[in-house]
């Protein structure tokens, strides 16, 4: 199950990033909800919210260490909780997707853009980012649930 989730996340991530790279380049944004939600091409040379700009090798090493740690945990401890296995698989899949971009292009393709007119702008992100966030939320839920 874990390998399947990781593969699905990577296929969806790669396909959507290829679409964004071909369709949205040069300001060809796709407006889904005017002044709120659009698809807009961005090359992120850092991490979340643009931190660590230009630190590609550092981000690759950190990502690899985290992925190895999660894979070792899954293989060594074989958690019985399906939710923990799903959450770690989502995180690994998303991390691999963005790691692929950094390794091959030296930037991550982002394309999902939420904003409110010119008043508010959430940082542009991608499917891999969503996978990491959803996996992390599920993992926190598991940890809180297990504490009780």
N, C-alpha and C. Protein backbone atom coordinates (compact mmCIF):
# COMPACT_ATOMS: atom_id res chain seq x y z
N UNK A 1 0.82 -1.19 0.00
CA UNK A 1 0.00 0.00 0.00
C UNK A 1 0.87 1.26 0.00
N UNK A 2 1.93 1.28 0.81
CA UNK A 2 2.77 2.47 0.91
C UNK A 2 3.42 2.82 -0.44
N UNK A 3 3.95 1.82 -1.11
CA UNK A 3 4.60 2.06 -2.40
C UNK A 3 3.59 2.59 -3.42
N UNK A 4 2.38 2.05 -3.39
CA UNK A 4 1.32 2.50 -4.30
C UNK A 4 1.01 3.99 -4.07
N UNK A 5 0.86 4.39 -2.81
CA UNK A 5 0.56 5.80 -2.48
C UNK A 5 1.71 6.70 -2.95
N UNK A 6 2.93 6.30 -2.66
CA UNK A 6 4.10 7.09 -3.06
C UNK A 6 4.13 7.24 -4.59
N UNK A 7 3.88 6.15 -5.31
CA UNK A 7 3.87 6.21 -6.78
C UNK A 7 2.76 7.10 -7.32
N UNK A 8 1.55 6.96 -6.76
CA UNK A 8 0.41 7.77 -7.22
C UNK A 8 0.69 9.25 -6.99
N UNK A 9 1.21 9.59 -5.80
CA UNK A 9 1.53 10.99 -5.50
C UNK A 9 2.53 11.51 -6.52
N UNK A 10 3.55 10.71 -6.83
CA UNK A 10 4.58 11.16 -7.77
C UNK A 10 4.05 11.29 -9.20
N UNK A 11 3.20 10.38 -9.62
CA UNK A 11 2.64 10.47 -10.97
C UNK A 11 1.78 11.72 -11.09
N UNK A 12 0.89 11.94 -10.12
CA UNK A 12 0.03 13.13 -10.17
C UNK A 12 0.89 14.39 -10.11
N UNK A 13 1.88 14.40 -9.24
CA UNK A 13 2.75 15.56 -9.11
C UNK A 13 3.49 15.85 -10.41
N UNK A 14 4.07 14.82 -11.01
CA UNK A 14 4.85 15.00 -12.23
C UNK A 14 3.95 15.48 -13.37
N UNK A 15 2.78 14.85 -13.53
CA UNK A 15 1.87 15.23 -14.62
C UNK A 15 1.39 16.67 -14.45
N UNK A 16 1.02 17.06 -13.25
CA UNK A 16 0.53 18.43 -13.04
C UNK A 16 1.65 19.46 -13.22
N UNK A 17 2.86 19.12 -12.81
CA UNK A 17 3.98 20.04 -13.01
C UNK A 17 4.35 20.15 -14.48
N UNK A 18 4.25 19.06 -15.22
CA UNK A 18 4.51 19.12 -16.66
C UNK A 18 3.46 19.99 -17.34
N UNK A 19 2.20 19.82 -16.94
CA UNK A 19 1.13 20.66 -17.49
C UNK A 19 1.41 22.13 -17.19
N UNK A 20 1.74 22.43 -15.94
CA UNK A 20 2.00 23.82 -15.55
C UNK A 20 3.18 24.40 -16.33
N UNK A 21 4.22 23.59 -16.49
CA UNK A 21 5.41 24.06 -17.20
C UNK A 21 5.14 24.37 -18.67
N UNK A 22 4.21 23.64 -19.26
CA UNK A 22 3.89 23.86 -20.68
C UNK A 22 2.77 24.88 -20.88
N UNK A 23 1.78 24.85 -20.02
CA UNK A 23 0.57 25.66 -20.23
C UNK A 23 0.60 27.02 -19.57
N UNK A 24 1.27 27.15 -18.45
CA UNK A 24 1.17 28.37 -17.66
C UNK A 24 2.37 29.30 -17.81
N UNK A 25 3.38 28.85 -18.51
CA UNK A 25 4.61 29.63 -18.64
C UNK A 25 4.31 30.96 -19.35
N UNK A 26 5.13 31.95 -19.11
CA UNK A 26 5.01 33.28 -19.73
C UNK A 26 3.71 34.00 -19.36
N UNK A 27 3.24 33.79 -18.14
CA UNK A 27 2.07 34.53 -17.67
C UNK A 27 0.73 34.05 -18.19
N UNK A 28 0.67 32.84 -18.72
CA UNK A 28 -0.59 32.29 -19.22
C UNK A 28 -1.40 31.67 -18.08
N UNK A 29 -1.71 32.47 -17.07
CA UNK A 29 -2.45 31.98 -15.90
C UNK A 29 -3.84 31.49 -16.30
N UNK A 30 -4.33 30.53 -15.54
CA UNK A 30 -5.70 30.05 -15.70
C UNK A 30 -6.46 30.48 -14.46
N UNK A 31 -7.41 31.39 -14.65
CA UNK A 31 -8.20 31.90 -13.53
C UNK A 31 -9.36 30.93 -13.30
N UNK A 32 -9.43 30.39 -12.09
CA UNK A 32 -10.51 29.47 -11.74
C UNK A 32 -11.63 30.25 -11.06
N UNK A 33 -11.28 31.05 -10.06
CA UNK A 33 -12.23 31.95 -9.41
C UNK A 33 -11.59 33.33 -9.38
N UNK A 34 -12.17 34.25 -10.11
CA UNK A 34 -11.58 35.58 -10.28
C UNK A 34 -11.24 36.21 -8.92
N UNK A 35 -10.01 36.73 -8.82
CA UNK A 35 -9.49 37.41 -7.63
C UNK A 35 -9.34 36.51 -6.40
N UNK A 36 -9.44 35.17 -6.59
CA UNK A 36 -9.32 34.26 -5.45
C UNK A 36 -8.40 33.09 -5.75
N UNK A 37 -8.63 32.39 -6.85
CA UNK A 37 -7.90 31.15 -7.11
C UNK A 37 -7.54 31.05 -8.58
N UNK A 38 -6.25 30.76 -8.83
CA UNK A 38 -5.80 30.57 -10.20
C UNK A 38 -4.61 29.61 -10.24
N UNK A 39 -4.32 29.16 -11.43
CA UNK A 39 -3.11 28.39 -11.67
C UNK A 39 -2.12 29.34 -12.31
N UNK A 40 -0.97 29.46 -11.69
CA UNK A 40 0.03 30.43 -12.13
C UNK A 40 1.42 29.82 -11.96
N UNK A 41 2.21 29.82 -13.02
CA UNK A 41 3.53 29.18 -13.01
C UNK A 41 4.54 29.96 -12.18
N UNK A 42 5.28 29.23 -11.34
CA UNK A 42 6.32 29.84 -10.52
C UNK A 42 7.47 28.85 -10.35
N UNK A 43 8.68 29.32 -10.47
CA UNK A 43 9.86 28.50 -10.19
C UNK A 43 10.37 28.88 -8.81
N UNK A 44 10.19 27.98 -7.85
CA UNK A 44 10.59 28.23 -6.47
C UNK A 44 11.99 27.66 -6.25
N UNK A 45 12.96 28.52 -6.04
CA UNK A 45 14.34 28.09 -5.83
C UNK A 45 14.67 27.96 -4.35
N UNK A 46 13.64 27.91 -3.52
CA UNK A 46 13.82 27.73 -2.08
C UNK A 46 12.91 26.62 -1.58
N UNK A 47 12.46 26.78 -0.35
CA UNK A 47 11.53 25.82 0.25
C UNK A 47 10.20 26.55 0.50
N UNK A 48 9.41 26.06 1.44
CA UNK A 48 8.12 26.66 1.75
C UNK A 48 8.25 28.15 2.03
N UNK A 49 7.33 28.91 1.47
CA UNK A 49 7.30 30.37 1.61
C UNK A 49 8.60 31.01 1.13
N UNK A 50 9.33 30.31 0.27
CA UNK A 50 10.54 30.87 -0.32
C UNK A 50 11.76 30.92 0.58
N UNK A 51 11.69 30.24 1.75
CA UNK A 51 12.87 30.25 2.63
C UNK A 51 13.98 29.42 2.01
N UNK A 52 15.20 29.66 2.43
CA UNK A 52 16.39 28.95 1.92
C UNK A 52 16.56 29.12 0.41
N UNK A 53 16.28 30.31 -0.10
CA UNK A 53 16.45 30.58 -1.53
C UNK A 53 17.87 30.24 -1.98
N UNK A 54 17.97 29.49 -3.06
CA UNK A 54 19.26 29.16 -3.65
C UNK A 54 20.04 28.07 -2.91
N UNK A 55 19.47 27.49 -1.89
CA UNK A 55 20.16 26.46 -1.09
C UNK A 55 19.71 25.06 -1.55
N UNK A 56 19.83 24.81 -2.85
CA UNK A 56 19.33 23.57 -3.45
C UNK A 56 20.00 22.35 -2.85
N UNK A 57 21.32 22.35 -2.75
CA UNK A 57 22.02 21.18 -2.21
C UNK A 57 21.65 20.91 -0.76
N UNK A 58 21.55 21.97 0.03
CA UNK A 58 21.13 21.83 1.43
C UNK A 58 19.75 21.19 1.50
N UNK A 59 18.80 21.70 0.70
CA UNK A 59 17.44 21.17 0.70
C UNK A 59 17.40 19.72 0.22
N UNK A 60 18.23 19.38 -0.77
CA UNK A 60 18.29 18.00 -1.24
C UNK A 60 18.77 17.06 -0.14
N UNK A 61 19.81 17.47 0.57
CA UNK A 61 20.38 16.63 1.64
C UNK A 61 19.38 16.45 2.78
N UNK A 62 18.77 17.56 3.22
CA UNK A 62 17.78 17.49 4.31
C UNK A 62 16.61 16.60 3.91
N UNK A 63 16.11 16.79 2.69
CA UNK A 63 14.98 15.98 2.21
C UNK A 63 15.35 14.50 2.17
N UNK A 64 16.53 14.20 1.68
CA UNK A 64 16.97 12.81 1.60
C UNK A 64 17.08 12.18 2.99
N UNK A 65 17.62 12.91 3.94
CA UNK A 65 17.74 12.41 5.32
C UNK A 65 16.35 12.12 5.90
N UNK A 66 15.41 13.03 5.69
CA UNK A 66 14.05 12.85 6.21
C UNK A 66 13.38 11.64 5.56
N UNK A 67 13.51 11.53 4.24
CA UNK A 67 12.91 10.39 3.53
C UNK A 67 13.50 9.08 4.03
N UNK A 68 14.81 9.01 4.15
CA UNK A 68 15.46 7.79 4.63
C UNK A 68 14.97 7.45 6.03
N UNK A 69 14.85 8.45 6.89
CA UNK A 69 14.36 8.23 8.25
C UNK A 69 12.96 7.64 8.26
N UNK A 70 12.08 8.16 7.43
CA UNK A 70 10.70 7.65 7.39
C UNK A 70 10.64 6.25 6.79
N UNK A 71 11.43 6.00 5.75
CA UNK A 71 11.45 4.66 5.15
C UNK A 71 11.99 3.64 6.15
N UNK A 72 13.07 4.00 6.84
CA UNK A 72 13.63 3.10 7.85
C UNK A 72 12.59 2.81 8.94
N UNK A 73 11.88 3.86 9.37
CA UNK A 73 10.83 3.67 10.38
C UNK A 73 9.77 2.70 9.88
N UNK A 74 9.30 2.89 8.64
CA UNK A 74 8.27 2.01 8.09
C UNK A 74 8.75 0.57 7.99
N UNK A 75 10.00 0.38 7.56
CA UNK A 75 10.52 -0.98 7.38
C UNK A 75 10.87 -1.65 8.71
N UNK A 76 11.43 -0.89 9.62
CA UNK A 76 11.89 -1.46 10.89
C UNK A 76 10.73 -1.74 11.86
N UNK A 77 9.84 -0.77 12.00
CA UNK A 77 8.79 -0.90 13.01
C UNK A 77 7.46 -1.39 12.45
N UNK A 78 7.31 -1.37 11.14
CA UNK A 78 6.08 -1.84 10.49
C UNK A 78 4.84 -1.44 11.29
N UNK A 79 4.54 -0.14 11.36
CA UNK A 79 3.42 0.31 12.18
C UNK A 79 2.11 -0.36 11.78
N UNK A 80 1.35 -0.75 12.78
CA UNK A 80 0.07 -1.41 12.53
C UNK A 80 -1.00 -0.42 12.09
N UNK A 81 -0.84 0.83 12.50
CA UNK A 81 -1.82 1.85 12.15
C UNK A 81 -1.77 2.16 10.66
N UNK A 82 -2.89 1.91 9.99
CA UNK A 82 -2.98 2.21 8.56
C UNK A 82 -2.83 3.72 8.33
N UNK A 83 -3.36 4.52 9.25
CA UNK A 83 -3.29 5.97 9.11
C UNK A 83 -1.84 6.47 9.19
N UNK A 84 -1.04 5.88 10.04
CA UNK A 84 0.38 6.27 10.12
C UNK A 84 1.09 5.89 8.83
N UNK A 85 0.82 4.70 8.31
CA UNK A 85 1.46 4.27 7.07
C UNK A 85 1.04 5.17 5.90
N UNK A 86 -0.23 5.55 5.86
CA UNK A 86 -0.72 6.44 4.80
C UNK A 86 -0.07 7.82 4.94
N UNK A 87 -0.04 8.34 6.16
CA UNK A 87 0.51 9.69 6.36
C UNK A 87 1.99 9.74 5.98
N UNK A 88 2.77 8.76 6.40
CA UNK A 88 4.19 8.75 6.04
C UNK A 88 4.38 8.56 4.54
N UNK A 89 3.52 7.78 3.91
CA UNK A 89 3.61 7.59 2.47
C UNK A 89 3.31 8.88 1.71
N UNK A 90 2.33 9.63 2.18
CA UNK A 90 2.02 10.91 1.55
C UNK A 90 3.18 11.89 1.69
N UNK A 91 3.78 11.92 2.88
CA UNK A 91 4.93 12.81 3.10
C UNK A 91 6.10 12.40 2.22
N UNK A 92 6.40 11.11 2.19
CA UNK A 92 7.51 10.62 1.36
C UNK A 92 7.25 10.92 -0.11
N UNK A 93 6.03 10.64 -0.57
CA UNK A 93 5.70 10.89 -1.97
C UNK A 93 5.86 12.35 -2.35
N UNK A 94 5.35 13.24 -1.52
CA UNK A 94 5.48 14.66 -1.80
C UNK A 94 6.92 15.13 -1.74
N UNK A 95 7.65 14.65 -0.76
CA UNK A 95 9.06 15.03 -0.63
C UNK A 95 9.85 14.56 -1.85
N UNK A 96 9.58 13.35 -2.32
CA UNK A 96 10.27 12.84 -3.51
C UNK A 96 9.93 13.67 -4.75
N UNK A 97 8.67 14.10 -4.87
CA UNK A 97 8.26 14.91 -6.01
C UNK A 97 9.03 16.22 -6.08
N UNK A 98 9.12 16.92 -4.96
CA UNK A 98 9.85 18.18 -4.95
C UNK A 98 11.36 17.95 -5.03
N UNK A 99 11.83 16.85 -4.47
CA UNK A 99 13.25 16.53 -4.55
C UNK A 99 13.65 16.27 -6.01
N UNK A 100 12.78 15.62 -6.75
CA UNK A 100 13.03 15.38 -8.18
C UNK A 100 13.25 16.72 -8.90
N UNK A 101 12.35 17.67 -8.66
CA UNK A 101 12.49 18.98 -9.30
C UNK A 101 13.81 19.64 -8.92
N UNK A 102 14.11 19.66 -7.65
CA UNK A 102 15.35 20.31 -7.20
C UNK A 102 16.58 19.63 -7.81
N UNK A 103 16.55 18.32 -7.87
CA UNK A 103 17.69 17.57 -8.40
C UNK A 103 17.90 17.78 -9.89
N UNK A 104 16.81 17.84 -10.65
CA UNK A 104 16.93 17.94 -12.11
C UNK A 104 16.88 19.37 -12.64
N UNK A 105 16.10 20.24 -11.98
CA UNK A 105 15.91 21.59 -12.52
C UNK A 105 16.52 22.69 -11.64
N UNK A 106 16.88 22.36 -10.42
CA UNK A 106 17.41 23.33 -9.45
C UNK A 106 16.34 24.28 -8.93
N UNK A 107 15.07 23.96 -9.17
CA UNK A 107 13.94 24.70 -8.63
C UNK A 107 12.73 23.77 -8.59
N UNK A 108 11.71 24.16 -7.83
CA UNK A 108 10.48 23.39 -7.75
C UNK A 108 9.40 24.15 -8.51
N UNK A 109 8.65 23.46 -9.34
CA UNK A 109 7.55 24.06 -10.08
C UNK A 109 6.34 24.17 -9.16
N UNK A 110 5.88 25.40 -8.92
CA UNK A 110 4.66 25.65 -8.16
C UNK A 110 3.64 26.27 -9.11
N UNK A 111 2.35 26.05 -8.84
CA UNK A 111 1.34 26.54 -9.79
C UNK A 111 -0.03 26.80 -9.17
N UNK A 112 -0.27 26.42 -7.93
CA UNK A 112 -1.58 26.64 -7.30
C UNK A 112 -1.49 27.92 -6.49
N UNK A 113 -2.34 28.90 -6.84
CA UNK A 113 -2.22 30.23 -6.27
C UNK A 113 -3.56 30.72 -5.72
N UNK A 114 -3.61 30.91 -4.39
CA UNK A 114 -4.78 31.48 -3.72
C UNK A 114 -4.45 32.90 -3.29
N UNK A 115 -5.38 33.80 -3.53
CA UNK A 115 -5.17 35.21 -3.17
C UNK A 115 -6.53 35.89 -3.05
N UNK A 116 -6.52 37.06 -2.46
CA UNK A 116 -7.73 37.87 -2.44
C UNK A 116 -7.38 39.23 -2.99
N UNK A 117 -7.81 39.46 -4.23
CA UNK A 117 -7.43 40.69 -4.94
C UNK A 117 -5.94 40.92 -4.77
N UNK A 118 -5.57 42.12 -4.42
CA UNK A 118 -4.16 42.42 -4.13
C UNK A 118 -3.93 42.54 -2.63
N UNK A 119 -4.93 42.19 -1.82
CA UNK A 119 -4.85 42.35 -0.37
C UNK A 119 -4.15 41.19 0.32
N UNK A 120 -4.34 39.98 -0.20
CA UNK A 120 -3.76 38.80 0.44
C UNK A 120 -3.28 37.84 -0.63
N UNK A 121 -2.13 37.24 -0.39
CA UNK A 121 -1.57 36.31 -1.35
C UNK A 121 -0.90 35.16 -0.59
N UNK A 122 -1.48 33.97 -0.70
CA UNK A 122 -0.87 32.79 -0.09
C UNK A 122 0.24 32.31 -1.02
N UNK A 123 1.37 31.86 -0.48
CA UNK A 123 2.46 31.40 -1.36
C UNK A 123 1.99 30.31 -2.33
N UNK A 124 2.41 30.42 -3.56
CA UNK A 124 2.08 29.45 -4.60
C UNK A 124 2.67 28.09 -4.22
N UNK A 125 1.92 27.01 -4.47
CA UNK A 125 2.36 25.67 -4.09
C UNK A 125 1.99 24.67 -5.16
N UNK A 126 2.22 23.37 -4.89
CA UNK A 126 1.96 22.33 -5.88
C UNK A 126 1.36 21.09 -5.22
N UNK A 127 1.11 20.07 -6.02
CA UNK A 127 0.49 18.84 -5.50
C UNK A 127 1.37 18.15 -4.46
N UNK A 128 2.68 18.13 -4.69
CA UNK A 128 3.60 17.50 -3.73
C UNK A 128 3.52 18.20 -2.38
N UNK A 129 3.44 19.53 -2.40
CA UNK A 129 3.30 20.29 -1.15
C UNK A 129 2.02 19.89 -0.42
N UNK A 130 0.93 19.77 -1.17
CA UNK A 130 -0.35 19.37 -0.55
C UNK A 130 -0.23 17.99 0.07
N UNK A 131 0.46 17.09 -0.61
CA UNK A 131 0.64 15.74 -0.10
C UNK A 131 1.41 15.75 1.22
N UNK A 132 2.47 16.54 1.28
CA UNK A 132 3.26 16.65 2.51
C UNK A 132 2.41 17.22 3.64
N UNK A 133 1.64 18.26 3.35
CA UNK A 133 0.82 18.90 4.38
C UNK A 133 -0.27 17.96 4.88
N UNK A 134 -0.98 17.32 3.97
CA UNK A 134 -2.04 16.38 4.37
C UNK A 134 -1.44 15.23 5.16
N UNK A 135 -0.30 14.69 4.71
CA UNK A 135 0.36 13.61 5.44
C UNK A 135 0.78 14.04 6.83
N UNK A 136 1.28 15.26 6.96
CA UNK A 136 1.70 15.77 8.26
C UNK A 136 0.51 15.96 9.19
N UNK A 137 -0.59 16.49 8.68
CA UNK A 137 -1.80 16.66 9.49
C UNK A 137 -2.30 15.30 9.97
N UNK A 138 -2.33 14.32 9.08
CA UNK A 138 -2.77 12.97 9.48
C UNK A 138 -1.84 12.38 10.54
N UNK A 139 -0.55 12.61 10.39
CA UNK A 139 0.41 12.10 11.37
C UNK A 139 0.20 12.74 12.74
N UNK A 140 -0.06 14.04 12.75
CA UNK A 140 -0.33 14.74 14.02
C UNK A 140 -1.59 14.20 14.65
N UNK A 141 -2.63 13.96 13.84
CA UNK A 141 -3.88 13.39 14.36
C UNK A 141 -3.60 12.03 14.99
N UNK A 142 -2.79 11.21 14.32
CA UNK A 142 -2.42 9.89 14.86
C UNK A 142 -1.69 10.02 16.19
N UNK A 143 -0.77 10.92 16.26
CA UNK A 143 0.02 11.09 17.48
C UNK A 143 -0.85 11.60 18.63
N UNK A 144 -1.74 12.53 18.34
CA UNK A 144 -2.64 13.03 19.38
C UNK A 144 -3.59 11.92 19.83
N UNK A 145 -4.12 11.17 18.88
CA UNK A 145 -5.03 10.07 19.17
C UNK A 145 -4.36 9.00 20.01
N UNK A 146 -3.09 8.69 19.71
CA UNK A 146 -2.36 7.68 20.46
C UNK A 146 -2.01 8.12 21.87
N UNK A 147 -1.88 9.44 22.08
CA UNK A 147 -1.58 9.95 23.42
C UNK A 147 -2.75 9.75 24.36
N UNK A 148 -3.96 9.75 23.84
CA UNK A 148 -5.15 9.67 24.71
C UNK A 148 -5.43 8.30 25.15
